[in-house]
C-alpha cells in the first residue's frame, strides 16, 4: 500500500520530536528548482521569550510596547502566559537585528532565510508539496488559521517531514530581502492565524508587506549557515 506523502511527512516529523534540539538540519536534496538545503533552520518560530532575551541583552534597543512584550523598570517583560508564543509585531529590520545578535553569541552566521530556502524547507523533503504536510490532510488539524490569535505555544500541530513546526499558519515569517526591497517592501511566507482560506497557507505563496510593517500576524524564524554546524 502506498503511503500518502503528507502522512509520511507527518510520521517523520513526529519521530523527530523526541530529544529535538533548537535546530533542524536541512539536507542537500534535489527539487524541481534544483539543489536545495545545506543549512539548519530553527525548529520553531522565534518565541516571545527568545526575542525578549535579545532586547534585554542587546541594550539600547528602542522597542515599543506590544501585546506580547512591555517595558517595565528598564527591562522588557513578556505578557502573562506569552513567553512560548511566536513573537509578532516585529519589523523585518528588528528581526535582522536579532539575527546579528545571535550571530555574535554563536560566533557564526545566523540570518533570515531567503524565500527559496524557506520554501524548500517548508516542503519537508516532499518535492512539489503544496503544504508542509503534503497533500490531502484536513488543514484544520494541521495549522493555526481562521483563529482569534496566534497559538498560545508553539508545536501544537504536527511537524513537517524535516521536523519543522508551524511552517503554515500561526504567523507569517519574514524572509531575507530580495528585489522587492527596492520598492520598500519585504516578503513573508507561511500564512497566518487570521487567514480563513487554507489555500493562503500554501508554501509557494508569498506576501509582500511594507518594510516597516509591525503587525500581530508577522514574526520570523532563523537560519544558521553551514559554517556553524558541528
Foldseek 3Di string as FASTA:
>chain_A
DDDAQLVLFLVLLVVCPVVHDQWFAFDFDQAPVGTAGQWIWGLEAQFPQLLQVCDQPVPPDDDDDDPFWHDDPNGIDGDPLGRQAHDFQAFQVSQQVSQVVVCVVLVAGKGFAALVRLLSVQCLPPHPAFGLSRDDDDVVQAAQACDPAADSHWDPHGGTNRNHTHQAERAWAWGDDDPCVVVQKTKTAHYYHHDPDSSRRTSPDIDIDRRNDGDRRYGHIMMGHNVSDD
